[in-house]
């Protein structure tokens, strides 16, 4: 569920606020105090291919993941396998 909250925050920043999401902002969206939590969530989303950094280092979402109103199923590979 944390991945979805982080993804929703990133989507809101990029498509509604027209600003780059921050690691600290991701942590706050997850109701965590440590920016490391935001960094770990961002890295997990990048590892799963849901977000990426462009050539300028900006956080971007894949085109097919930009609609956060759709139900997104995130499979935990460690738990399933």
Protein backbone atom coordinates (compact mmCIF):
# COMPACT_ATOMS: atom_id res chain seq x y z
CA UNK A 1 0.00 0.00 0.00
CA UNK A 2 2.95 2.35 0.61
CA UNK A 3 3.96 2.04 -3.03
CA UNK A 4 0.52 3.20 -4.14
CA UNK A 5 0.60 6.19 -1.76
CA UNK A 6 4.04 7.16 -3.06
CA UNK A 7 2.93 6.74 -6.67
CA UNK A 8 -0.18 8.82 -6.01
CA UNK A 9 1.93 11.59 -4.45
CA UNK A 10 4.33 11.57 -7.41
CA UNK A 11 1.41 11.71 -9.85
CA UNK A 12 -0.17 14.62 -7.99
CA UNK A 13 3.07 16.60 -7.95
CA UNK A 14 3.81 16.10 -11.63
CA UNK A 15 0.33 16.37 -13.16
CA UNK A 16 -1.57 18.63 -10.76
CA UNK A 17 0.99 20.84 -9.00
CA UNK A 18 3.37 20.97 -12.00
CA UNK A 19 6.40 20.45 -9.77
CA UNK A 20 8.95 17.76 -9.12
CA UNK A 21 8.22 15.40 -6.22
CA UNK A 22 10.79 15.34 -3.46
CA UNK A 23 12.10 12.43 -1.44
CA UNK A 24 11.03 14.23 1.73
CA UNK A 25 7.56 14.79 0.23
CA UNK A 26 7.27 11.10 -0.61
CA UNK A 27 8.18 10.26 3.00
CA UNK A 28 5.53 12.68 4.27
CA UNK A 29 2.93 11.14 1.94
CA UNK A 30 3.79 7.78 3.54
CA UNK A 31 3.39 9.38 6.98
CA UNK A 32 7.04 8.74 7.77
CA UNK A 33 9.50 11.14 9.31
CA UNK A 34 12.69 9.91 7.69
CA UNK A 35 13.58 11.03 4.17
CA UNK A 36 15.26 7.62 3.81
CA UNK A 37 11.77 6.09 3.73
CA UNK A 38 10.92 8.30 0.77
CA UNK A 39 14.18 7.40 -0.94
CA UNK A 40 13.52 3.69 -0.47
CA UNK A 41 9.96 4.00 -1.81
CA UNK A 42 11.18 5.94 -4.85
CA UNK A 43 13.89 3.35 -5.55
CA UNK A 44 11.34 0.54 -5.26
CA UNK A 45 9.03 2.25 -7.77
CA UNK A 46 11.99 2.79 -10.09
CA UNK A 47 13.08 -0.84 -9.71
CA UNK A 48 9.55 -1.98 -10.61
CA UNK A 49 9.59 0.30 -13.64
CA UNK A 50 6.66 2.50 -12.58
CA UNK A 51 8.72 5.70 -12.46
CA UNK A 52 12.09 6.69 -13.89
CA UNK A 53 14.48 9.59 -14.06
CA UNK A 54 14.91 11.31 -17.42
CA UNK A 55 18.21 12.55 -18.85
CA UNK A 56 17.97 15.69 -16.69
CA UNK A 57 17.37 13.71 -13.49
CA UNK A 58 13.67 14.58 -13.25
CA UNK A 59 11.27 11.98 -11.87
CA UNK A 60 8.79 10.85 -14.54
CA UNK A 61 5.98 8.33 -14.66
CA UNK A 62 5.52 5.75 -17.37
CA UNK A 63 2.81 6.75 -19.83
CA UNK A 64 0.64 3.72 -19.00
CA UNK A 65 0.77 4.39 -15.24
CA UNK A 66 -0.23 8.05 -15.26
CA UNK A 67 -3.91 7.43 -14.40
CA UNK A 68 -3.81 6.87 -10.64
CA UNK A 69 -7.57 6.61 -10.45
CA UNK A 70 -7.31 3.15 -12.02
CA UNK A 71 -6.81 0.23 -9.68
CA UNK A 72 -3.13 -0.62 -9.66
CA UNK A 73 -2.00 -4.03 -8.51
CA UNK A 74 1.56 -4.06 -7.20
CA UNK A 75 2.90 -7.56 -6.66
CA UNK A 76 5.48 -8.03 -3.96
CA UNK A 77 8.08 -10.22 -5.68
CA UNK A 78 9.73 -11.21 -2.40
CA UNK A 79 6.45 -12.49 -0.93
CA UNK A 80 5.40 -14.37 -4.06
CA UNK A 81 8.48 -16.14 -4.74
